[in-house]
N, C-alpha and C. Protein backbone atom coordinates (compact mmCIF):
# COMPACT_ATOMS: atom_id res chain seq x y z
N MET A 1 57.88 -47.85 187.15
CA MET A 1 57.68 -46.81 186.19
C MET A 1 57.58 -45.48 186.91
N LYS A 2 58.36 -44.50 186.48
CA LYS A 2 58.37 -43.18 187.12
C LYS A 2 57.49 -42.22 186.31
N ILE A 3 56.48 -41.66 186.97
CA ILE A 3 55.55 -40.75 186.33
C ILE A 3 55.67 -39.38 186.98
N LEU A 4 55.87 -38.36 186.16
CA LEU A 4 55.88 -36.98 186.64
C LEU A 4 54.51 -36.37 186.44
N LEU A 5 53.98 -35.79 187.48
CA LEU A 5 52.74 -35.03 187.41
C LEU A 5 53.16 -33.57 187.51
N VAL A 6 53.06 -32.84 186.41
CA VAL A 6 53.65 -31.51 186.29
C VAL A 6 52.59 -30.44 186.44
N ASP A 7 52.74 -29.63 187.50
CA ASP A 7 51.88 -28.48 187.71
C ASP A 7 52.49 -27.33 186.93
N GLY A 8 51.92 -27.03 185.77
CA GLY A 8 52.52 -26.14 184.78
C GLY A 8 52.30 -24.67 184.99
N THR A 9 52.29 -24.21 186.22
CA THR A 9 52.11 -22.79 186.49
C THR A 9 52.90 -22.41 187.74
N ILE A 10 53.05 -21.11 187.95
CA ILE A 10 53.72 -20.65 189.16
C ILE A 10 52.75 -19.96 190.11
N ILE A 11 51.46 -19.88 189.72
CA ILE A 11 50.45 -19.29 190.61
C ILE A 11 49.18 -20.14 190.58
N GLY A 12 48.39 -20.01 191.60
CA GLY A 12 47.11 -20.72 191.66
C GLY A 12 47.24 -22.12 192.23
N THR A 13 46.07 -22.70 192.55
CA THR A 13 46.08 -24.03 193.19
C THR A 13 45.20 -25.07 192.50
N LYS A 14 44.34 -24.66 191.60
CA LYS A 14 43.41 -25.63 191.00
C LYS A 14 44.13 -26.73 190.24
N THR A 15 45.19 -26.39 189.51
CA THR A 15 45.92 -27.43 188.77
C THR A 15 46.55 -28.43 189.73
N GLY A 16 47.04 -27.96 190.86
CA GLY A 16 47.60 -28.86 191.87
C GLY A 16 46.55 -29.79 192.45
N VAL A 17 45.35 -29.26 192.67
CA VAL A 17 44.24 -30.07 193.17
C VAL A 17 43.90 -31.17 192.16
N LEU A 18 43.85 -30.81 190.89
CA LEU A 18 43.57 -31.80 189.84
C LEU A 18 44.63 -32.89 189.82
N LEU A 19 45.90 -32.49 189.92
CA LEU A 19 46.98 -33.48 189.90
C LEU A 19 46.91 -34.43 191.10
N GLU A 20 46.63 -33.89 192.27
CA GLU A 20 46.52 -34.75 193.46
C GLU A 20 45.42 -35.79 193.26
N GLN A 21 44.30 -35.38 192.65
CA GLN A 21 43.20 -36.32 192.44
C GLN A 21 43.59 -37.38 191.41
N VAL A 22 44.24 -36.97 190.33
CA VAL A 22 44.69 -37.93 189.32
C VAL A 22 45.69 -38.91 189.94
N LYS A 23 46.58 -38.39 190.75
CA LYS A 23 47.57 -39.24 191.44
C LYS A 23 46.86 -40.31 192.26
N ASP A 24 45.86 -39.91 193.02
CA ASP A 24 45.10 -40.87 193.83
C ASP A 24 44.45 -41.93 192.96
N TYR A 25 43.86 -41.52 191.85
CA TYR A 25 43.20 -42.49 190.97
C TYR A 25 44.20 -43.44 190.31
N ILE A 26 45.36 -42.95 189.92
CA ILE A 26 46.38 -43.83 189.35
C ILE A 26 46.84 -44.84 190.40
N GLU A 27 47.05 -44.38 191.62
CA GLU A 27 47.49 -45.28 192.69
C GLU A 27 46.45 -46.37 192.97
N GLU A 28 45.16 -46.07 192.79
CA GLU A 28 44.13 -47.08 192.96
C GLU A 28 44.26 -48.18 191.91
N ILE A 29 44.74 -47.82 190.72
CA ILE A 29 44.83 -48.76 189.61
C ILE A 29 46.15 -49.53 189.63
N ASN A 30 47.25 -48.81 189.90
CA ASN A 30 48.57 -49.44 189.86
C ASN A 30 49.45 -48.83 190.95
N LYS A 31 49.70 -49.59 191.99
CA LYS A 31 50.52 -49.12 193.10
C LYS A 31 52.02 -49.24 192.84
N ASP A 32 52.40 -49.83 191.71
CA ASP A 32 53.81 -50.04 191.42
C ASP A 32 54.49 -48.82 190.80
N TYR A 33 53.71 -47.84 190.40
CA TYR A 33 54.30 -46.64 189.80
C TYR A 33 54.92 -45.76 190.88
N THR A 34 55.98 -45.07 190.51
CA THR A 34 56.54 -44.01 191.33
C THR A 34 55.98 -42.71 190.79
N LEU A 35 55.14 -42.06 191.58
CA LEU A 35 54.47 -40.84 191.14
C LEU A 35 55.06 -39.64 191.87
N GLU A 36 55.48 -38.64 191.11
CA GLU A 36 56.05 -37.43 191.70
C GLU A 36 55.36 -36.21 191.12
N ILE A 37 54.80 -35.40 191.99
CA ILE A 37 54.23 -34.12 191.57
C ILE A 37 55.34 -33.08 191.63
N ILE A 38 55.56 -32.42 190.50
CA ILE A 38 56.51 -31.31 190.51
C ILE A 38 55.74 -30.03 190.18
N LYS A 39 56.03 -29.02 190.95
CA LYS A 39 55.39 -27.71 190.78
C LYS A 39 56.43 -26.78 190.18
N LEU A 40 56.12 -26.25 189.01
CA LEU A 40 57.07 -25.33 188.38
C LEU A 40 57.35 -24.12 189.27
N SER A 41 56.43 -23.83 190.18
CA SER A 41 56.63 -22.71 191.09
C SER A 41 57.78 -22.94 192.06
N ASN A 42 58.22 -24.18 192.21
CA ASN A 42 59.32 -24.49 193.12
C ASN A 42 60.70 -24.38 192.48
N TYR A 43 60.76 -23.93 191.25
CA TYR A 43 62.03 -23.85 190.53
C TYR A 43 62.32 -22.40 190.13
N GLU A 44 63.62 -22.07 190.12
CA GLU A 44 64.04 -20.76 189.63
C GLU A 44 64.22 -20.88 188.12
N HIS A 45 63.36 -20.24 187.38
CA HIS A 45 63.34 -20.39 185.92
C HIS A 45 64.22 -19.35 185.24
N GLN A 46 64.80 -19.78 184.13
CA GLN A 46 65.52 -18.89 183.23
C GLN A 46 64.94 -19.07 181.85
N PHE A 47 64.91 -18.00 181.07
CA PHE A 47 64.41 -18.11 179.71
C PHE A 47 65.40 -18.86 178.84
N VAL A 48 64.86 -19.72 177.99
CA VAL A 48 65.69 -20.38 176.99
C VAL A 48 66.09 -19.30 176.00
N ASP A 49 67.40 -19.12 175.86
CA ASP A 49 67.88 -18.05 174.98
C ASP A 49 69.01 -18.49 174.06
N GLY A 50 69.24 -19.77 173.96
CA GLY A 50 70.23 -20.27 173.01
C GLY A 50 71.62 -20.49 173.58
N ARG A 51 71.85 -20.10 174.82
CA ARG A 51 73.17 -20.32 175.41
C ARG A 51 73.40 -21.82 175.62
N PRO A 52 74.64 -22.24 175.78
CA PRO A 52 74.90 -23.67 176.06
C PRO A 52 74.17 -24.12 177.32
N PHE A 53 73.69 -25.35 177.31
CA PHE A 53 72.91 -25.90 178.41
C PHE A 53 73.63 -25.76 179.75
N GLN A 54 74.94 -25.95 179.75
CA GLN A 54 75.72 -25.90 180.98
C GLN A 54 75.67 -24.53 181.66
N GLN A 55 75.28 -23.49 180.94
CA GLN A 55 75.25 -22.14 181.49
C GLN A 55 73.93 -21.81 182.20
N TYR A 56 72.98 -22.72 182.16
CA TYR A 56 71.72 -22.49 182.87
C TYR A 56 71.88 -22.89 184.33
N ASN A 57 70.98 -22.40 185.18
CA ASN A 57 71.09 -22.65 186.62
C ASN A 57 70.76 -24.10 186.96
N ASP A 58 71.06 -24.46 188.20
CA ASP A 58 70.88 -25.84 188.65
C ASP A 58 69.41 -26.28 188.63
N ASP A 59 68.48 -25.36 188.92
CA ASP A 59 67.07 -25.73 188.88
C ASP A 59 66.64 -26.16 187.48
N MET A 60 67.09 -25.44 186.47
CA MET A 60 66.69 -25.78 185.11
C MET A 60 67.32 -27.12 184.70
N LYS A 61 68.54 -27.35 185.09
CA LYS A 61 69.20 -28.64 184.80
C LYS A 61 68.47 -29.77 185.52
N LEU A 62 68.02 -29.53 186.75
CA LEU A 62 67.28 -30.55 187.50
C LEU A 62 65.96 -30.86 186.82
N LEU A 63 65.25 -29.83 186.36
CA LEU A 63 63.98 -30.06 185.65
C LEU A 63 64.19 -30.93 184.42
N VAL A 64 65.20 -30.60 183.63
CA VAL A 64 65.48 -31.38 182.42
C VAL A 64 65.80 -32.82 182.79
N SER A 65 66.58 -33.01 183.84
CA SER A 65 66.93 -34.35 184.29
C SER A 65 65.69 -35.14 184.70
N LYS A 66 64.78 -34.50 185.41
CA LYS A 66 63.55 -35.18 185.83
C LYS A 66 62.72 -35.61 184.61
N PHE A 67 62.64 -34.75 183.62
CA PHE A 67 61.90 -35.10 182.41
C PHE A 67 62.57 -36.25 181.67
N ASP A 68 63.88 -36.19 181.56
CA ASP A 68 64.61 -37.25 180.86
C ASP A 68 64.45 -38.60 181.53
N GLN A 69 64.39 -38.62 182.86
CA GLN A 69 64.32 -39.87 183.61
C GLN A 69 62.90 -40.42 183.76
N ALA A 70 61.91 -39.61 183.48
CA ALA A 70 60.51 -40.04 183.66
C ALA A 70 60.08 -40.97 182.53
N ASP A 71 59.15 -41.84 182.87
CA ASP A 71 58.58 -42.78 181.89
C ASP A 71 57.22 -42.33 181.39
N GLY A 72 56.65 -41.29 181.98
CA GLY A 72 55.36 -40.79 181.57
C GLY A 72 55.04 -39.50 182.30
N PHE A 73 54.00 -38.81 181.84
CA PHE A 73 53.69 -37.48 182.36
C PHE A 73 52.19 -37.23 182.41
N ILE A 74 51.79 -36.51 183.45
CA ILE A 74 50.47 -35.91 183.51
C ILE A 74 50.75 -34.41 183.60
N PHE A 75 50.27 -33.65 182.63
CA PHE A 75 50.46 -32.20 182.64
C PHE A 75 49.17 -31.53 183.08
N ALA A 76 49.30 -30.61 184.03
CA ALA A 76 48.18 -29.79 184.46
C ALA A 76 48.52 -28.34 184.15
N THR A 77 47.61 -27.69 183.45
CA THR A 77 47.88 -26.30 183.09
C THR A 77 46.63 -25.45 183.26
N PRO A 78 46.82 -24.25 183.77
CA PRO A 78 45.73 -23.29 183.69
C PRO A 78 45.75 -22.67 182.29
N ILE A 79 44.65 -22.07 181.93
CA ILE A 79 44.59 -21.33 180.67
C ILE A 79 44.50 -19.85 181.02
N PHE A 80 45.52 -19.12 180.61
CA PHE A 80 45.57 -17.67 180.86
C PHE A 80 45.54 -16.95 179.53
N GLN A 81 44.64 -15.99 179.38
CA GLN A 81 44.58 -15.18 178.16
C GLN A 81 44.53 -16.05 176.91
N GLY A 82 43.81 -17.16 176.98
CA GLY A 82 43.66 -18.03 175.82
C GLY A 82 44.94 -18.78 175.45
N SER A 83 45.80 -19.05 176.45
CA SER A 83 47.07 -19.71 176.16
C SER A 83 47.57 -20.46 177.39
N ILE A 84 48.54 -21.35 177.16
CA ILE A 84 49.21 -22.01 178.28
C ILE A 84 50.17 -21.01 178.91
N PRO A 85 50.52 -21.19 180.18
CA PRO A 85 51.46 -20.26 180.81
C PRO A 85 52.84 -20.30 180.14
N GLY A 86 53.48 -19.14 180.10
CA GLY A 86 54.80 -19.04 179.50
C GLY A 86 55.82 -19.93 180.18
N VAL A 87 55.68 -20.12 181.50
CA VAL A 87 56.64 -20.95 182.23
C VAL A 87 56.56 -22.41 181.76
N LEU A 88 55.38 -22.89 181.39
CA LEU A 88 55.25 -24.25 180.88
C LEU A 88 55.87 -24.36 179.49
N LYS A 89 55.59 -23.39 178.63
CA LYS A 89 56.18 -23.40 177.29
C LYS A 89 57.70 -23.31 177.38
N ASN A 90 58.20 -22.47 178.26
CA ASN A 90 59.64 -22.33 178.44
C ASN A 90 60.27 -23.64 178.90
N THR A 91 59.55 -24.37 179.76
CA THR A 91 60.04 -25.68 180.21
C THR A 91 60.14 -26.63 179.02
N PHE A 92 59.13 -26.66 178.17
CA PHE A 92 59.19 -27.49 176.98
C PHE A 92 60.38 -27.09 176.10
N ASP A 93 60.66 -25.80 176.02
CA ASP A 93 61.75 -25.32 175.17
C ASP A 93 63.12 -25.82 175.63
N PHE A 94 63.25 -26.16 176.91
CA PHE A 94 64.52 -26.68 177.43
C PHE A 94 64.76 -28.14 177.03
N LEU A 95 63.72 -28.86 176.70
CA LEU A 95 63.82 -30.31 176.53
C LEU A 95 64.35 -30.71 175.16
N HIS A 96 65.11 -31.78 175.14
CA HIS A 96 65.56 -32.38 173.89
C HIS A 96 64.34 -33.01 173.20
N PRO A 97 64.27 -32.96 171.88
CA PRO A 97 63.11 -33.52 171.18
C PRO A 97 62.83 -34.99 171.49
N LYS A 98 63.83 -35.75 171.90
CA LYS A 98 63.61 -37.17 172.21
C LYS A 98 63.30 -37.42 173.69
N SER A 99 63.29 -36.39 174.51
CA SER A 99 63.13 -36.60 175.95
C SER A 99 61.78 -37.20 176.33
N MET A 100 60.74 -36.96 175.53
CA MET A 100 59.42 -37.51 175.85
C MET A 100 58.91 -38.47 174.78
N ARG A 101 59.79 -38.87 173.87
CA ARG A 101 59.38 -39.73 172.76
C ARG A 101 58.77 -41.03 173.23
N TYR A 102 57.60 -41.32 172.70
CA TYR A 102 56.84 -42.55 172.97
C TYR A 102 56.53 -42.76 174.44
N LYS A 103 56.52 -41.68 175.21
CA LYS A 103 56.14 -41.76 176.61
C LYS A 103 54.68 -41.31 176.73
N PRO A 104 53.91 -41.98 177.60
CA PRO A 104 52.49 -41.62 177.74
C PRO A 104 52.32 -40.26 178.42
N VAL A 105 51.33 -39.53 177.95
CA VAL A 105 51.01 -38.21 178.49
C VAL A 105 49.51 -38.06 178.57
N SER A 106 49.05 -37.55 179.71
CA SER A 106 47.66 -37.13 179.86
C SER A 106 47.65 -35.66 180.26
N ILE A 107 46.54 -35.01 179.97
CA ILE A 107 46.43 -33.57 180.19
C ILE A 107 45.19 -33.26 181.02
N VAL A 108 45.38 -32.40 182.02
CA VAL A 108 44.27 -31.78 182.72
C VAL A 108 44.49 -30.27 182.64
N ALA A 109 43.42 -29.55 182.49
CA ALA A 109 43.53 -28.09 182.34
C ALA A 109 42.38 -27.42 183.06
N ASN A 110 42.59 -26.17 183.39
CA ASN A 110 41.57 -25.39 184.07
C ASN A 110 41.54 -23.98 183.49
N GLY A 111 40.34 -23.49 183.26
CA GLY A 111 40.19 -22.12 182.77
C GLY A 111 38.96 -21.47 183.35
N GLY A 112 38.82 -20.21 183.07
CA GLY A 112 37.69 -19.45 183.58
C GLY A 112 36.39 -19.70 182.85
N THR A 113 36.47 -20.17 181.60
CA THR A 113 35.26 -20.42 180.81
C THR A 113 35.38 -21.77 180.11
N PHE A 114 34.25 -22.27 179.62
CA PHE A 114 34.25 -23.54 178.89
C PHE A 114 35.01 -23.44 177.57
N GLN A 115 35.00 -22.27 176.94
CA GLN A 115 35.61 -22.13 175.62
C GLN A 115 37.12 -22.33 175.61
N HIS A 116 37.78 -22.11 176.72
CA HIS A 116 39.23 -22.21 176.74
C HIS A 116 39.76 -23.64 176.62
N HIS A 117 38.88 -24.63 176.60
CA HIS A 117 39.34 -26.01 176.41
C HIS A 117 40.06 -26.17 175.07
N LEU A 118 39.76 -25.30 174.12
CA LEU A 118 40.40 -25.40 172.80
C LEU A 118 41.89 -25.12 172.85
N VAL A 119 42.37 -24.48 173.90
CA VAL A 119 43.81 -24.26 174.05
C VAL A 119 44.54 -25.60 174.12
N VAL A 120 43.93 -26.58 174.77
CA VAL A 120 44.54 -27.91 174.83
C VAL A 120 44.71 -28.46 173.42
N GLU A 121 43.67 -28.35 172.61
CA GLU A 121 43.70 -28.87 171.24
C GLU A 121 44.65 -28.09 170.32
N ASN A 122 44.64 -26.77 170.46
CA ASN A 122 45.36 -25.92 169.50
C ASN A 122 46.78 -25.57 169.90
N GLN A 123 47.13 -25.71 171.17
CA GLN A 123 48.47 -25.35 171.60
C GLN A 123 49.21 -26.51 172.25
N LEU A 124 48.61 -27.11 173.25
CA LEU A 124 49.34 -28.13 174.02
C LEU A 124 49.52 -29.44 173.25
N LYS A 125 48.47 -29.92 172.62
CA LYS A 125 48.60 -31.17 171.88
C LYS A 125 49.61 -31.08 170.73
N PRO A 126 49.66 -29.98 169.97
CA PRO A 126 50.70 -29.89 168.94
C PRO A 126 52.13 -29.91 169.50
N ILE A 127 52.33 -29.30 170.66
CA ILE A 127 53.66 -29.35 171.28
C ILE A 127 54.00 -30.79 171.65
N LEU A 128 53.07 -31.49 172.25
CA LEU A 128 53.31 -32.87 172.65
C LEU A 128 53.46 -33.79 171.43
N ASP A 129 52.77 -33.46 170.36
CA ASP A 129 52.94 -34.21 169.11
C ASP A 129 54.35 -34.02 168.56
N TYR A 130 54.89 -32.82 168.66
CA TYR A 130 56.25 -32.57 168.23
C TYR A 130 57.23 -33.49 168.97
N PHE A 131 56.97 -33.71 170.26
CA PHE A 131 57.83 -34.59 171.06
C PHE A 131 57.53 -36.07 170.82
N LYS A 132 56.54 -36.36 170.00
CA LYS A 132 56.12 -37.73 169.68
C LYS A 132 55.67 -38.51 170.92
N CYS A 133 54.94 -37.81 171.79
CA CYS A 133 54.38 -38.44 172.98
C CYS A 133 53.18 -39.30 172.62
N LEU A 134 52.86 -40.21 173.50
CA LEU A 134 51.64 -41.01 173.37
C LEU A 134 50.56 -40.29 174.18
N VAL A 135 49.89 -39.35 173.56
CA VAL A 135 48.91 -38.52 174.26
C VAL A 135 47.58 -39.25 174.33
N THR A 136 47.08 -39.43 175.53
CA THR A 136 45.79 -40.08 175.69
C THR A 136 44.71 -39.17 175.10
N PRO A 137 43.66 -39.75 174.54
CA PRO A 137 42.65 -38.94 173.86
C PRO A 137 41.67 -38.24 174.79
N ASN A 138 41.71 -38.54 176.07
CA ASN A 138 40.65 -38.06 176.97
C ASN A 138 41.18 -37.07 178.01
N TYR A 139 41.63 -35.91 177.54
CA TYR A 139 42.04 -34.89 178.52
C TYR A 139 40.81 -34.41 179.29
N VAL A 140 41.08 -33.82 180.46
CA VAL A 140 40.00 -33.30 181.29
C VAL A 140 40.19 -31.80 181.43
N TYR A 141 39.16 -31.06 181.06
CA TYR A 141 39.16 -29.62 181.19
C TYR A 141 38.14 -29.24 182.27
N THR A 142 38.55 -28.39 183.18
CA THR A 142 37.65 -27.91 184.22
C THR A 142 37.57 -26.39 184.17
N GLN A 143 36.55 -25.88 184.83
CA GLN A 143 36.43 -24.43 184.95
C GLN A 143 35.94 -24.10 186.36
N THR A 144 35.86 -22.86 186.65
CA THR A 144 35.63 -22.37 188.01
C THR A 144 34.47 -23.05 188.72
N ASN A 145 33.36 -23.29 188.04
CA ASN A 145 32.18 -23.87 188.69
C ASN A 145 32.37 -25.32 189.14
N HIS A 146 33.45 -25.95 188.74
CA HIS A 146 33.71 -27.32 189.16
C HIS A 146 34.37 -27.41 190.54
N PHE A 147 34.68 -26.26 191.13
CA PHE A 147 35.37 -26.19 192.41
C PHE A 147 34.55 -25.38 193.41
N ASP A 148 34.74 -25.68 194.70
CA ASP A 148 34.11 -24.84 195.72
C ASP A 148 35.05 -23.69 196.07
N GLU A 149 34.68 -22.91 197.08
CA GLU A 149 35.49 -21.73 197.44
C GLU A 149 36.87 -22.09 197.99
N ASN A 150 37.06 -23.36 198.39
CA ASN A 150 38.37 -23.83 198.88
C ASN A 150 39.14 -24.61 197.81
N ASN A 151 38.66 -24.52 196.57
CA ASN A 151 39.25 -25.22 195.42
C ASN A 151 39.21 -26.73 195.53
N LYS A 152 38.19 -27.25 196.21
CA LYS A 152 37.93 -28.68 196.23
C LYS A 152 37.04 -29.00 195.03
N ILE A 153 37.33 -30.10 194.34
CA ILE A 153 36.51 -30.49 193.19
C ILE A 153 35.14 -30.96 193.70
N ILE A 154 34.09 -30.28 193.24
CA ILE A 154 32.74 -30.62 193.70
C ILE A 154 31.87 -31.22 192.60
N ASP A 155 32.35 -31.22 191.39
CA ASP A 155 31.58 -31.74 190.26
C ASP A 155 31.82 -33.24 190.12
N LYS A 156 30.77 -34.04 190.26
CA LYS A 156 30.91 -35.50 190.20
C LYS A 156 31.39 -35.97 188.84
N ASP A 157 30.95 -35.32 187.78
CA ASP A 157 31.38 -35.70 186.43
C ASP A 157 32.87 -35.48 186.25
N VAL A 158 33.42 -34.45 186.86
CA VAL A 158 34.87 -34.23 186.79
C VAL A 158 35.60 -35.41 187.42
N HIS A 159 35.09 -35.89 188.55
CA HIS A 159 35.71 -37.06 189.18
C HIS A 159 35.64 -38.28 188.27
N VAL A 160 34.51 -38.49 187.63
CA VAL A 160 34.37 -39.62 186.71
C VAL A 160 35.38 -39.49 185.57
N ARG A 161 35.51 -38.29 185.01
CA ARG A 161 36.43 -38.08 183.89
C ARG A 161 37.89 -38.21 184.33
N LEU A 162 38.23 -37.74 185.53
CA LEU A 162 39.60 -37.88 186.02
C LEU A 162 39.95 -39.35 186.28
N LYS A 163 38.99 -40.09 186.79
CA LYS A 163 39.22 -41.52 187.04
C LYS A 163 39.43 -42.26 185.71
N GLU A 164 38.64 -41.91 184.71
CA GLU A 164 38.80 -42.53 183.39
C GLU A 164 40.13 -42.11 182.76
N LEU A 165 40.53 -40.86 182.93
CA LEU A 165 41.83 -40.41 182.43
C LEU A 165 42.94 -41.25 183.05
N ALA A 166 42.86 -41.49 184.35
CA ALA A 166 43.86 -42.31 185.04
C ALA A 166 43.89 -43.73 184.48
N ARG A 167 42.71 -44.30 184.24
CA ARG A 167 42.63 -45.67 183.71
C ARG A 167 43.28 -45.76 182.33
N VAL A 168 42.95 -44.83 181.46
CA VAL A 168 43.51 -44.84 180.11
C VAL A 168 45.01 -44.56 180.15
N PHE A 169 45.43 -43.64 181.02
CA PHE A 169 46.86 -43.37 181.15
C PHE A 169 47.64 -44.63 181.52
N VAL A 170 47.14 -45.39 182.46
CA VAL A 170 47.82 -46.62 182.88
C VAL A 170 47.91 -47.60 181.71
N LEU A 171 46.87 -47.70 180.91
CA LEU A 171 46.91 -48.57 179.73
C LEU A 171 47.97 -48.09 178.74
N TYR A 172 48.04 -46.79 178.50
CA TYR A 172 49.06 -46.24 177.61
C TYR A 172 50.45 -46.45 178.19
N ALA A 173 50.59 -46.30 179.50
CA ALA A 173 51.89 -46.50 180.15
C ALA A 173 52.35 -47.94 179.98
N ASP A 174 51.45 -48.89 180.16
CA ASP A 174 51.80 -50.29 179.95
C ASP A 174 52.20 -50.55 178.49
N MET A 175 51.45 -49.98 177.57
CA MET A 175 51.75 -50.15 176.15
C MET A 175 53.11 -49.56 175.80
N SER A 176 53.45 -48.44 176.41
CA SER A 176 54.70 -47.76 176.06
C SER A 176 55.93 -48.57 176.42
N GLN A 177 55.79 -49.50 177.31
CA GLN A 177 56.95 -50.32 177.72
C GLN A 177 57.48 -51.18 176.58
N ASN A 178 56.64 -51.43 175.59
CA ASN A 178 57.05 -52.24 174.44
C ASN A 178 57.56 -51.41 173.27
N LEU A 179 57.67 -50.11 173.46
CA LEU A 179 58.15 -49.24 172.38
C LEU A 179 59.56 -48.77 172.68
N THR A 180 60.39 -48.78 171.67
CA THR A 180 61.73 -48.23 171.84
C THR A 180 61.64 -46.72 171.86
N LYS A 181 62.50 -46.09 172.63
CA LYS A 181 62.49 -44.63 172.72
C LYS A 181 63.27 -43.99 171.58
N GLU A 182 64.05 -44.75 170.88
CA GLU A 182 64.82 -44.24 169.74
C GLU A 182 64.04 -44.52 168.46
N ALA A 183 64.18 -43.64 167.52
CA ALA A 183 63.52 -43.84 166.23
C ALA A 183 64.25 -44.92 165.44
N THR A 184 63.50 -45.89 165.00
CA THR A 184 64.08 -46.97 164.20
C THR A 184 63.29 -47.05 162.90
N ILE A 185 63.95 -46.79 161.79
CA ILE A 185 63.30 -46.86 160.49
C ILE A 185 64.00 -47.91 159.66
N ARG A 186 63.23 -48.83 159.14
CA ARG A 186 63.81 -49.88 158.28
C ARG A 186 63.23 -49.72 156.88
N ILE A 187 64.09 -49.64 155.95
CA ILE A 187 63.66 -49.55 154.55
C ILE A 187 64.11 -50.82 153.86
N ASN A 188 63.15 -51.54 153.32
CA ASN A 188 63.45 -52.81 152.64
C ASN A 188 63.43 -52.63 151.15
């Protein structure tokens, strides 16, 4: 099973630190997964503007290909100005509506205050619902006090919650293997 751990920003390091920790916890549970961390900062982005897909650059085509080929996702996002970064939303805008259908997704986020956790509920989860993802119910939100000056996670409860997120994600990933990725409706 191929899992993408997506660092949904082009600046900062806390989301990358969170992803590395989640990756370690998933590997403790299931070593058979292929886990790949992708940093949106490593790609040359273009705005989705309605042109034919073939006219976008190779980096954007590669990103779409990685999403299409993945069996599950962990998204890490900072919260800026009460919202997800534009680069993450733009990445979602490139994807076909079926690209993440019935694939497991977990979310980790980081913001400057405790109140910004609502961005996950009000912005990110509705986007993932549109894609019909299997979103785990236990996202992890962190804020500045959970890290030391070197951006190492120092809050023990955050570690407990990240480990539980990994456990639930693996259960959702196993469950997703029995679901077809195409919509099948039978009317009797």
